Structures are given as C-alpha cells and as structure tokens.
Amino acid sequence: MRFKLIIALVEDSETNAVLEAARKAGATGSTVINQARGEGVKQAKTFFGLTLETQRDMVLLMVEEHLSRTILERIAEAGHFDERPGTGIAFQLNIEDAVGVSHQIQTLAQVIEEEI
C-alpha cells in the first residue's frame, strides 16, 4: 500500500470543515498545527504598522494514494480555495516509507478493495 502526504494551509475558521470533508472522502486521521503564517501574491494589509492577517492552520493528512486526489479536491471545496483568493492551498507529496500505520492499513484495505 502506498501513501501520499496532503498538506493544507487553511484559514482557521475553515479547519473543521476541511477536516470533516477529508474524513468523508476517506482520510483516516490528521494532524493540525495551529498558528501558521503565510503570504500570497498580495502582501498583507497593515494598519499603523501592524500587520492584519488571518490566522492559518496547517493540516497534515497521510492518505492512501488511490484516495488522495478525491480528498485533495474535497479539501479545496470545503476551504473555498478556488472561490476566494487567499483562503488557502493544499498539495500532496509522495511518502517513501512510514511506520506506525498498521492500524490504518487494515481499515483502508477494505475501502481500497471496494474502490478498485
């Protein structure tokens, strides 16, 4: 079984919706890192020298490769990434090796068999 790592940088107000969408699409777990900061094409607005920026969370999801594209698309929909500029991004990376995931493999084996 092969895995992908989906990394999503999400407005903190959308984190729960993104996690719920990922789980409904087949993700079996996640890690959320709070208080991430980023900058897009346009720099953040300032007010008297103070930067006004929305809080972001980094969501990490290790998912089975056959489910990864669907999960990525559901995250984008839930987070409104393509509808509103600056709301977040998500991307996936190949995972070469992982340990501590045997319980997820047992759960995913049935799901993948149904998908294929």
Protein backbone atom coordinates (compact mmCIF):
# COMPACT_ATOMS: atom_id res chain seq x y z
CA MET A 1 0.00 0.00 0.00
CA ARG A 2 1.34 3.43 -0.96
CA PHE A 3 0.64 6.70 0.79
CA LYS A 4 0.61 10.41 0.00
CA LEU A 5 1.00 13.30 2.39
CA ILE A 6 -1.56 16.03 1.85
CA ILE A 7 -0.56 19.37 3.32
CA ALA A 8 -3.27 22.01 3.52
CA LEU A 9 -2.77 25.57 4.73
CA VAL A 10 -6.21 26.70 5.78
CA GLU A 11 -7.87 29.70 7.40
CA ASP A 12 -8.52 28.66 10.99
CA SER A 13 -12.23 29.35 10.56
CA GLU A 14 -12.34 26.65 7.83
CA THR A 15 -10.22 23.97 9.55
CA ASN A 16 -13.11 21.93 10.94
CA ALA A 17 -14.94 21.96 7.60
CA VAL A 18 -11.75 20.83 5.82
CA LEU A 19 -11.16 18.01 8.34
CA GLU A 20 -14.76 16.82 8.02
CA ALA A 21 -14.58 16.85 4.21
CA ALA A 22 -11.30 14.92 4.25
CA ARG A 23 -12.70 12.28 6.58
CA LYS A 24 -15.85 11.86 4.46
CA ALA A 25 -13.61 11.39 1.40
CA GLY A 26 -11.60 8.61 3.08
CA ALA A 27 -8.92 10.18 5.30
CA THR A 28 -8.40 8.11 8.46
CA GLY A 29 -6.61 10.70 10.59
CA SER A 30 -4.96 14.10 10.64
CA THR A 31 -2.54 16.38 12.44
CA VAL A 32 -3.30 20.09 12.80
CA ILE A 33 -0.59 22.63 13.53
CA ASN A 34 -2.04 25.92 14.72
CA GLN A 35 -0.83 29.45 14.11
CA ALA A 36 0.88 29.02 10.77
CA ARG A 37 1.64 32.17 8.83
CA GLY A 38 1.94 32.72 5.11
CA GLU A 39 1.95 35.30 2.40
CA GLY A 40 0.46 35.12 -1.08
CA VAL A 41 0.78 37.22 -4.21
CA LYS A 42 -0.54 40.27 -2.39
CA GLN A 43 1.18 41.30 0.82
CA ALA A 44 -0.88 41.51 3.99
CA LYS A 45 -2.50 44.84 4.74
CA THR A 46 -1.11 46.94 7.55
CA PHE A 47 -2.74 49.40 9.92
CA PHE A 48 -0.39 51.80 11.71
CA GLY A 49 2.50 49.38 11.17
CA LEU A 50 0.59 46.34 12.47
CA THR A 51 0.01 43.51 10.00
CA LEU A 52 -3.60 42.44 9.60
CA GLU A 53 -3.65 38.80 8.59
CA THR A 54 -5.97 35.90 9.19
CA GLN A 55 -4.81 33.00 11.32
CA ARG A 56 -3.95 29.80 9.46
CA ASP A 57 -3.69 26.17 10.40
CA MET A 58 -1.51 23.54 8.75
CA VAL A 59 -3.38 20.28 8.25
CA LEU A 60 -1.33 17.13 7.57
CA LEU A 61 -3.06 14.03 6.23
CA MET A 62 -1.34 10.77 5.34
CA VAL A 63 -3.73 9.08 2.92
CA GLU A 64 -3.75 6.07 0.62
CA GLU A 65 -2.70 7.11 -2.89
CA HIS A 66 -5.91 5.90 -4.60
CA LEU A 67 -7.95 8.22 -2.36
CA SER A 68 -5.57 11.19 -2.39
CA ARG A 69 -6.92 13.13 -5.38
CA THR A 70 -10.52 12.89 -4.19
CA ILE A 71 -9.52 14.01 -0.71
CA LEU A 72 -7.50 16.90 -2.15
CA GLU A 73 -10.47 18.05 -4.23
CA ARG A 74 -12.88 17.83 -1.25
CA ILE A 75 -10.46 19.87 0.88
CA ALA A 76 -10.34 22.57 -1.80
CA GLU A 77 -14.14 22.70 -1.95
CA ALA A 78 -14.59 22.82 1.83
CA GLY A 79 -11.92 25.50 2.24
CA HIS A 80 -13.20 27.58 -0.73
CA PHE A 81 -9.64 27.71 -2.13
CA ASP A 82 -10.63 28.41 -5.73
CA GLU A 83 -13.60 30.65 -4.92
CA ARG A 84 -11.90 33.24 -2.73
CA PRO A 85 -8.25 34.28 -3.18
CA GLY A 86 -6.03 33.88 -0.13
CA THR A 87 -8.20 31.32 1.66
CA GLY A 88 -5.65 28.51 1.48
CA ILE A 89 -3.80 25.95 -0.57
CA ALA A 90 -3.34 22.20 -0.49
CA PHE A 91 -0.83 19.92 -2.17
CA GLN A 92 0.33 16.33 -1.97
CA LEU A 93 3.72 14.65 -1.73
CA ASN A 94 4.75 11.02 -2.14
CA ILE A 95 5.67 9.18 1.04
CA GLU A 96 8.55 6.81 0.56
CA ASP A 97 8.16 4.90 3.81
CA ALA A 98 6.17 5.09 7.05
CA VAL A 99 5.88 3.24 10.35
CA GLY A 100 3.08 3.20 12.90
CA VAL A 101 0.32 2.94 10.32
CA SER A 102 -0.58 -0.76 10.50
CA HIS A 103 -3.97 0.01 12.07
CA GLN A 104 -4.77 2.38 9.19
CA ILE A 105 -3.70 -0.21 6.60
CA GLN A 106 -6.20 -2.71 8.00
CA THR A 107 -9.01 -0.16 7.79
CA LEU A 108 -8.00 1.10 4.35
CA ALA A 109 -7.57 -2.35 2.78
CA GLN A 110 -11.34 -2.90 2.67
CA VAL A 111 -12.03 0.61 1.35
CA ILE A 112 -9.44 0.29 -1.41
CA GLU A 113 -10.76 -3.12 -2.49
CA GLU A 114 -14.22 -1.59 -2.92
CA GLU A 115 -12.80 1.36 -4.88
CA ILE A 116 -10.80 -0.83 -7.25
